[in-house]
Protein backbone atom coordinates (compact mmCIF):
# COMPACT_ATOMS: atom_id res chain seq x y z
CA UNK A 1 0.00 0.00 0.00
CA UNK A 2 1.26 3.51 -0.69
CA UNK A 3 0.42 4.67 2.85
CA UNK A 4 -0.76 3.37 6.20
CA UNK A 5 -3.97 5.38 5.75
CA UNK A 6 -4.78 3.56 2.50
CA UNK A 7 -4.00 0.23 4.16
CA UNK A 8 -6.55 1.00 6.90
CA UNK A 9 -9.17 2.25 4.41
CA UNK A 10 -8.67 -0.75 2.15
CA UNK A 11 -8.85 -3.30 4.96
CA UNK A 12 -11.99 -1.70 6.43
CA UNK A 13 -13.68 -1.67 3.02
CA UNK A 14 -12.76 -5.27 2.23
CA UNK A 15 -13.74 -6.63 5.64
CA UNK A 16 -17.06 -4.74 5.53
CA UNK A 17 -17.83 -6.27 2.12
CA UNK A 18 -17.07 -9.83 3.23
CA UNK A 19 -13.46 -10.21 2.07
CA UNK A 20 -11.49 -11.33 5.12
CA UNK A 21 -8.13 -9.60 5.24
CA UNK A 22 -5.59 -8.21 7.65
CA UNK A 23 -2.92 -5.54 7.66
CA UNK A 24 0.62 -6.78 8.14
CA UNK A 25 3.89 -4.94 8.61
CA UNK A 26 6.22 -5.48 5.65
CA UNK A 27 9.68 -4.47 4.56
CA UNK A 28 9.83 -0.89 3.27
CA UNK A 29 12.09 -2.22 0.53
CA UNK A 30 8.93 -3.15 -1.40
CA UNK A 31 8.50 0.54 -2.23
CA UNK A 32 5.40 1.09 -0.11
CA UNK A 33 4.76 2.45 3.34
CA UNK A 34 5.74 -0.70 5.19
CA UNK A 35 2.21 -2.10 5.52
CA UNK A 36 0.31 -4.46 3.28
CA UNK A 37 -3.14 -6.03 3.14
CA UNK A 38 -3.23 -9.83 3.06
CA UNK A 39 -6.48 -11.03 1.50
CA UNK A 40 -7.80 -14.42 2.56
CA UNK A 41 -10.28 -14.93 -0.30
CA UNK A 42 -10.74 -14.17 -3.99
CA UNK A 43 -8.15 -11.53 -4.81
CA UNK A 44 -9.59 -10.55 -8.18
CA UNK A 45 -12.97 -9.62 -6.67
CA UNK A 46 -11.31 -7.78 -3.79
CA UNK A 47 -9.01 -5.87 -6.14
CA UNK A 48 -12.00 -4.84 -8.26
CA UNK A 49 -13.55 -3.39 -5.12
CA UNK A 50 -10.38 -1.44 -4.30
CA UNK A 51 -10.33 -0.14 -7.87
CA UNK A 52 -13.99 0.89 -7.70
CA UNK A 53 -13.35 2.94 -4.55
CA UNK A 54 -10.08 4.35 -5.97
CA UNK A 55 -7.86 2.92 -3.25
CA UNK A 56 -4.36 2.61 -4.75
CA UNK A 57 -2.33 -0.58 -4.31
CA UNK A 58 0.47 -2.64 -5.81
CA UNK A 59 -0.19 -6.33 -6.25
CA UNK A 60 2.55 -8.58 -4.91
CA UNK A 61 1.99 -12.34 -4.94
CA UNK A 62 4.11 -15.18 -3.60
CA UNK A 63 5.86 -15.18 -6.99
CA UNK A 64 6.72 -11.46 -6.87
CA UNK A 65 5.24 -8.18 -8.03
CA UNK A 66 2.71 -8.13 -10.89
PDB file of N, CA and C in Angstrom:
ATOM      1  N   UNK A   1       0.852  -1.172   0.000  1.00  0.00           N
ATOM      2  CA  UNK A   1       0.000   0.000   0.000  1.00  0.00           C
ATOM      3  C   UNK A   1       0.900   1.238   0.000  1.00  0.00           C
ATOM      4  N   UNK A   2       0.439   2.310  -0.641  1.00  0.00           N
ATOM      5  CA  UNK A   2       1.262   3.512  -0.694  1.00  0.00           C
ATOM      6  C   UNK A   2       1.335   4.256   0.636  1.00  0.00           C
ATOM      7  N   UNK A   3       0.372   4.014   1.541  1.00  0.00           N
ATOM      8  CA  UNK A   3       0.423   4.666   2.853  1.00  0.00           C
ATOM      9  C   UNK A   3      -0.333   3.821   3.868  1.00  0.00           C
ATOM     10  N   UNK A   4      -0.049   4.074   5.135  1.00  0.00           N
ATOM     11  CA  UNK A   4      -0.760   3.370   6.204  1.00  0.00           C
ATOM     12  C   UNK A   4      -2.249   3.708   6.156  1.00  0.00           C
ATOM     13  N   UNK A   5      -2.568   4.953   5.824  1.00  0.00           N
ATOM     14  CA  UNK A   5      -3.970   5.378   5.746  1.00  0.00           C
ATOM     15  C   UNK A   5      -4.722   4.564   4.700  1.00  0.00           C
ATOM     16  N   UNK A   6      -4.121   4.369   3.528  1.00  0.00           N
ATOM     17  CA  UNK A   6      -4.777   3.558   2.495  1.00  0.00           C
ATOM     18  C   UNK A   6      -4.891   2.098   2.917  1.00  0.00           C
ATOM     19  N   UNK A   7      -3.918   1.604   3.659  1.00  0.00           N
ATOM     20  CA  UNK A   7      -3.998   0.226   4.156  1.00  0.00           C
ATOM     21  C   UNK A   7      -5.205   0.073   5.083  1.00  0.00           C
ATOM     22  N   UNK A   8      -5.403   1.041   5.976  1.00  0.00           N
ATOM     23  CA  UNK A   8      -6.548   1.004   6.898  1.00  0.00           C
ATOM     24  C   UNK A   8      -7.856   1.104   6.120  1.00  0.00           C
ATOM     25  N   UNK A   9      -7.947   2.077   5.203  1.00  0.00           N
ATOM     26  CA  UNK A   9      -9.170   2.251   4.412  1.00  0.00           C
ATOM     27  C   UNK A   9      -9.482   1.002   3.606  1.00  0.00           C
ATOM     28  N   UNK A  10      -8.471   0.450   2.959  1.00  0.00           N
ATOM     29  CA  UNK A  10      -8.669  -0.748   2.149  1.00  0.00           C
ATOM     30  C   UNK A  10      -9.121  -1.937   2.975  1.00  0.00           C
ATOM     31  N   UNK A  11      -8.488  -2.161   4.105  1.00  0.00           N
ATOM     32  CA  UNK A  11      -8.848  -3.295   4.960  1.00  0.00           C
ATOM     33  C   UNK A  11     -10.262  -3.140   5.511  1.00  0.00           C
ATOM     34  N   UNK A  12     -10.627  -1.932   5.930  1.00  0.00           N
ATOM     35  CA  UNK A  12     -11.992  -1.703   6.432  1.00  0.00           C
ATOM     36  C   UNK A  12     -13.022  -1.963   5.350  1.00  0.00           C
ATOM     37  N   UNK A  13     -12.763  -1.468   4.142  1.00  0.00           N
ATOM     38  CA  UNK A  13     -13.676  -1.671   3.021  1.00  0.00           C
ATOM     39  C   UNK A  13     -13.832  -3.156   2.708  1.00  0.00           C
ATOM     40  N   UNK A  14     -12.709  -3.854   2.579  1.00  0.00           N
ATOM     41  CA  UNK A  14     -12.758  -5.274   2.229  1.00  0.00           C
ATOM     42  C   UNK A  14     -13.444  -6.103   3.305  1.00  0.00           C
ATOM     43  N   UNK A  15     -13.101  -5.876   4.564  1.00  0.00           N
ATOM     44  CA  UNK A  15     -13.739  -6.631   5.645  1.00  0.00           C
ATOM     45  C   UNK A  15     -15.239  -6.354   5.705  1.00  0.00           C
ATOM     46  N   UNK A  16     -15.644  -5.098   5.494  1.00  0.00           N
ATOM     47  CA  UNK A  16     -17.064  -4.741   5.533  1.00  0.00           C
ATOM     48  C   UNK A  16     -17.844  -5.398   4.394  1.00  0.00           C
ATOM     49  N   UNK A  17     -17.170  -5.664   3.282  1.00  0.00           N
ATOM     50  CA  UNK A  17     -17.830  -6.267   2.116  1.00  0.00           C
ATOM     51  C   UNK A  17     -17.690  -7.789   2.076  1.00  0.00           C
ATOM     52  N   UNK A  18     -17.143  -8.374   3.140  1.00  0.00           N
ATOM     53  CA  UNK A  18     -17.074  -9.832   3.232  1.00  0.00           C
ATOM     54  C   UNK A  18     -15.815 -10.460   2.678  1.00  0.00           C
ATOM     55  N   UNK A  19     -14.749  -9.672   2.510  1.00  0.00           N
ATOM     56  CA  UNK A  19     -13.464 -10.211   2.067  1.00  0.00           C
ATOM     57  C   UNK A  19     -12.508 -10.186   3.252  1.00  0.00           C
ATOM     58  N   UNK A  20     -12.361 -11.318   3.936  1.00  0.00           N
ATOM     59  CA  UNK A  20     -11.490 -11.335   5.115  1.00  0.00           C
ATOM     60  C   UNK A  20     -10.052 -10.970   4.752  1.00  0.00           C
ATOM     61  N   UNK A  21      -9.500 -10.010   5.489  1.00  0.00           N
ATOM     62  CA  UNK A  21      -8.126  -9.596   5.242  1.00  0.00           C
ATOM     63  C   UNK A  21      -7.554  -9.019   6.526  1.00  0.00           C
ATOM     64  N   UNK A  22      -6.247  -8.821   6.505  1.00  0.00           N
ATOM     65  CA  UNK A  22      -5.585  -8.213   7.654  1.00  0.00           C
ATOM     66  C   UNK A  22      -4.407  -7.385   7.177  1.00  0.00           C
ATOM     67  N   UNK A  23      -4.074  -6.390   7.955  1.00  0.00           N
ATOM     68  CA  UNK A  23      -2.924  -5.537   7.662  1.00  0.00           C
ATOM     69  C   UNK A  23      -1.709  -6.151   8.337  1.00  0.00           C
ATOM     70  N   UNK A  24      -0.629  -6.250   7.584  1.00  0.00           N
ATOM     71  CA  UNK A  24       0.618  -6.783   8.138  1.00  0.00           C
ATOM     72  C   UNK A  24       1.754  -5.816   7.851  1.00  0.00           C
ATOM     73  N   UNK A  25       2.682  -5.756   8.778  1.00  0.00           N
ATOM     74  CA  UNK A  25       3.886  -4.943   8.615  1.00  0.00           C
ATOM     75  C   UNK A  25       4.788  -5.653   7.619  1.00  0.00           C
ATOM     76  N   UNK A  26       5.333  -4.903   6.656  1.00  0.00           N
ATOM     77  CA  UNK A  26       6.216  -5.484   5.651  1.00  0.00           C
ATOM     78  C   UNK A  26       7.498  -4.666   5.563  1.00  0.00           C
ATOM     79  N   UNK A  27       8.425  -5.172   4.795  1.00  0.00           N
ATOM     80  CA  UNK A  27       9.679  -4.469   4.557  1.00  0.00           C
ATOM     81  C   UNK A  27       9.403  -3.221   3.724  1.00  0.00           C
ATOM     82  N   UNK A  28       9.988  -2.107   4.080  1.00  0.00           N
ATOM     83  CA  UNK A  28       9.831  -0.893   3.274  1.00  0.00           C
ATOM     84  C   UNK A  28      10.539  -1.025   1.934  1.00  0.00           C
ATOM     85  N   UNK A  29      11.370  -2.017   1.784  1.00  0.00           N
ATOM     86  CA  UNK A  29      12.093  -2.217   0.525  1.00  0.00           C
ATOM     87  C   UNK A  29      11.147  -2.519  -0.633  1.00  0.00           C
ATOM     88  N   UNK A  30       9.892  -2.857  -0.346  1.00  0.00           N
ATOM     89  CA  UNK A  30       8.928  -3.147  -1.401  1.00  0.00           C
ATOM     90  C   UNK A  30       8.475  -1.875  -2.097  1.00  0.00           C
ATOM     91  N   UNK A  31       8.854  -0.711  -1.597  1.00  0.00           N
ATOM     92  CA  UNK A  31       8.497   0.544  -2.228  1.00  0.00           C
ATOM     93  C   UNK A  31       7.234   1.164  -1.673  1.00  0.00           C
ATOM     94  N   UNK A  32       6.624   0.543  -0.707  1.00  0.00           N
ATOM     95  CA  UNK A  32       5.405   1.086  -0.112  1.00  0.00           C
ATOM     96  C   UNK A  32       5.682   1.708   1.232  1.00  0.00           C
ATOM     97  N   UNK A  33       4.653   1.783   2.052  1.00  0.00           N
ATOM     98  CA  UNK A  33       4.758   2.448   3.345  1.00  0.00           C
ATOM     99  C   UNK A  33       5.255   1.524   4.445  1.00  0.00           C
ATOM    100  N   UNK A  34       5.346   0.244   4.162  1.00  0.00           N
ATOM    101  CA  UNK A  34       5.742  -0.704   5.186  1.00  0.00           C
ATOM    102  C   UNK A  34       4.571  -1.505   5.723  1.00  0.00           C
ATOM    103  N   UNK A  35       3.388  -1.328   5.131  1.00  0.00           N
ATOM    104  CA  UNK A  35       2.208  -2.097   5.522  1.00  0.00           C
ATOM    105  C   UNK A  35       1.557  -2.661   4.274  1.00  0.00           C
ATOM    106  N   UNK A  36       1.005  -3.853   4.403  1.00  0.00           N
ATOM    107  CA  UNK A  36       0.311  -4.465   3.279  1.00  0.00           C
ATOM    108  C   UNK A  36      -0.984  -5.100   3.771  1.00  0.00           C
ATOM    109  N   UNK A  37      -1.875  -5.342   2.830  1.00  0.00           N
ATOM    110  CA  UNK A  37      -3.135  -6.026   3.135  1.00  0.00           C
ATOM    111  C   UNK A  37      -3.013  -7.439   2.602  1.00  0.00           C
ATOM    112  N   UNK A  38      -3.236  -8.421   3.459  1.00  0.00           N
ATOM    113  CA  UNK A  38      -3.229  -9.825   3.061  1.00  0.00           C
ATOM    114  C   UNK A  38      -4.679 -10.283   2.977  1.00  0.00           C
ATOM    115  N   UNK A  39      -5.090 -10.654   1.772  1.00  0.00           N
ATOM    116  CA  UNK A  39      -6.479 -11.027   1.503  1.00  0.00           C
ATOM    117  C   UNK A  39      -6.613 -12.540   1.576  1.00  0.00           C
ATOM    118  N   UNK A  40      -7.614 -12.999   2.328  1.00  0.00           N
ATOM    119  CA  UNK A  40      -7.799 -14.420   2.564  1.00  0.00           C
ATOM    120  C   UNK A  40      -8.912 -15.017   1.710  1.00  0.00           C
ATOM    121  N   UNK A  41      -9.239 -14.401   0.586  1.00  0.00           N
ATOM    122  CA  UNK A  41     -10.280 -14.925  -0.297  1.00  0.00           C
ATOM    123  C   UNK A  41      -9.944 -14.538  -1.726  1.00  0.00           C
ATOM    124  N   UNK A  42     -10.940 -14.471  -2.577  1.00  0.00           N
ATOM    125  CA  UNK A  42     -10.745 -14.170  -3.988  1.00  0.00           C
ATOM    126  C   UNK A  42     -10.108 -12.800  -4.190  1.00  0.00           C
ATOM    127  N   UNK A  43      -8.868 -12.797  -4.618  1.00  0.00           N
ATOM    128  CA  UNK A  43      -8.148 -11.530  -4.810  1.00  0.00           C
ATOM    129  C   UNK A  43      -8.724 -10.702  -5.943  1.00  0.00           C
ATOM    130  N   UNK A  44      -9.120 -11.334  -7.031  1.00  0.00           N
ATOM    131  CA  UNK A  44      -9.591 -10.549  -8.176  1.00  0.00           C
ATOM    132  C   UNK A  44     -10.840  -9.755  -7.824  1.00  0.00           C
ATOM    133  N   UNK A  45     -11.761 -10.350  -7.091  1.00  0.00           N
ATOM    134  CA  UNK A  45     -12.965  -9.625  -6.673  1.00  0.00           C
ATOM    135  C   UNK A  45     -12.616  -8.510  -5.693  1.00  0.00           C
ATOM    136  N   UNK A  46     -11.711  -8.783  -4.777  1.00  0.00           N
ATOM    137  CA  UNK A  46     -11.310  -7.783  -3.789  1.00  0.00           C
ATOM    138  C   UNK A  46     -10.581  -6.623  -4.464  1.00  0.00           C
ATOM    139  N   UNK A  47      -9.740  -6.925  -5.436  1.00  0.00           N
ATOM    140  CA  UNK A  47      -9.008  -5.870  -6.141  1.00  0.00           C
ATOM    141  C   UNK A  47      -9.962  -5.002  -6.963  1.00  0.00           C
ATOM    142  N   UNK A  48     -10.989  -5.609  -7.531  1.00  0.00           N
ATOM    143  CA  UNK A  48     -12.003  -4.841  -8.259  1.00  0.00           C
ATOM    144  C   UNK A  48     -12.686  -3.847  -7.333  1.00  0.00           C
ATOM    145  N   UNK A  49     -12.930  -4.268  -6.110  1.00  0.00           N
ATOM    146  CA  UNK A  49     -13.552  -3.392  -5.122  1.00  0.00           C
ATOM    147  C   UNK A  49     -12.625  -2.230  -4.768  1.00  0.00           C
ATOM    148  N   UNK A  50     -11.341  -2.507  -4.571  1.00  0.00           N
ATOM    149  CA  UNK A  50     -10.378  -1.435  -4.296  1.00  0.00           C
ATOM    150  C   UNK A  50     -10.316  -0.458  -5.467  1.00  0.00           C
ATOM    151  N   UNK A  51     -10.336  -0.995  -6.687  1.00  0.00           N
ATOM    152  CA  UNK A  51     -10.332  -0.137  -7.874  1.00  0.00           C
ATOM    153  C   UNK A  51     -11.578   0.744  -7.923  1.00  0.00           C
ATOM    154  N   UNK A  52     -12.726   0.155  -7.646  1.00  0.00           N
ATOM    155  CA  UNK A  52     -13.993   0.890  -7.703  1.00  0.00           C
ATOM    156  C   UNK A  52     -14.003   2.065  -6.734  1.00  0.00           C
ATOM    157  N   UNK A  53     -13.386   1.882  -5.560  1.00  0.00           N
ATOM    158  CA  UNK A  53     -13.345   2.940  -4.548  1.00  0.00           C
ATOM    159  C   UNK A  53     -12.063   3.766  -4.612  1.00  0.00           C
ATOM    160  N   UNK A  54     -11.295   3.570  -5.689  1.00  0.00           N
ATOM    161  CA  UNK A  54     -10.081   4.353  -5.966  1.00  0.00           C
ATOM    162  C   UNK A  54      -9.060   4.316  -4.824  1.00  0.00           C
ATOM    163  N   UNK A  55      -8.877   3.113  -4.273  1.00  0.00           N
ATOM    164  CA  UNK A  55      -7.855   2.916  -3.251  1.00  0.00           C
ATOM    165  C   UNK A  55      -6.632   2.325  -3.955  1.00  0.00           C
ATOM    166  N   UNK A  56      -5.538   3.077  -4.014  1.00  0.00           N
ATOM    167  CA  UNK A  56      -4.355   2.609  -4.755  1.00  0.00           C
ATOM    168  C   UNK A  56      -3.653   1.448  -4.044  1.00  0.00           C
ATOM    169  N   UNK A  57      -3.050   0.579  -4.852  1.00  0.00           N
ATOM    170  CA  UNK A  57      -2.328  -0.576  -4.315  1.00  0.00           C
ATOM    171  C   UNK A  57      -1.334  -1.056  -5.356  1.00  0.00           C
ATOM    172  N   UNK A  58      -0.418  -1.886  -4.921  1.00  0.00           N
ATOM    173  CA  UNK A  58       0.470  -2.643  -5.807  1.00  0.00           C
ATOM    174  C   UNK A  58       0.256  -4.092  -5.467  1.00  0.00           C
ATOM    175  N   UNK A  59       0.055  -4.912  -6.475  1.00  0.00           N
ATOM    176  CA  UNK A  59      -0.192  -6.335  -6.253  1.00  0.00           C
ATOM    177  C   UNK A  59       1.141  -7.078  -6.195  1.00  0.00           C
ATOM    178  N   UNK A  60       1.365  -7.751  -5.064  1.00  0.00           N
ATOM    179  CA  UNK A  60       2.553  -8.584  -4.907  1.00  0.00           C
ATOM    180  C   UNK A  60       2.068  -9.957  -4.464  1.00  0.00           C
ATOM    181  N   UNK A  61       2.390 -10.969  -5.250  1.00  0.00           N
ATOM    182  CA  UNK A  61       1.995 -12.337  -4.939  1.00  0.00           C
ATOM    183  C   UNK A  61       3.203 -13.096  -4.411  1.00  0.00           C
ATOM    184  N   UNK A  62       3.003 -14.362  -4.087  1.00  0.00           N
ATOM    185  CA  UNK A  62       4.113 -15.179  -3.604  1.00  0.00           C
ATOM    186  C   UNK A  62       5.234 -15.257  -4.641  1.00  0.00           C
ATOM    187  N   UNK A  63       4.873 -15.100  -5.916  1.00  0.00           N
ATOM    188  CA  UNK A  63       5.855 -15.180  -6.986  1.00  0.00           C
ATOM    189  C   UNK A  63       6.522 -13.846  -7.296  1.00  0.00           C
ATOM    190  N   UNK A  64       6.117 -12.777  -6.623  1.00  0.00           N
ATOM    191  CA  UNK A  64       6.717 -11.462  -6.869  1.00  0.00           C
ATOM    192  C   UNK A  64       5.676 -10.456  -7.298  1.00  0.00           C
ATOM    193  N   UNK A  65       6.139  -9.282  -7.658  1.00  0.00           N
ATOM    194  CA  UNK A  65       5.243  -8.178  -8.033  1.00  0.00           C
ATOM    195  C   UNK A  65       4.659  -8.409  -9.418  1.00  0.00           C
ATOM    196  N   UNK A  66       3.369  -8.041  -9.584  1.00  0.00           N
ATOM    197  CA  UNK A  66       2.714  -8.134 -10.887  1.00  0.00           C
ATOM    198  C   UNK A  66       2.141  -6.801 -11.277  1.00  0.00           C
TER     199      UNK A  66
END
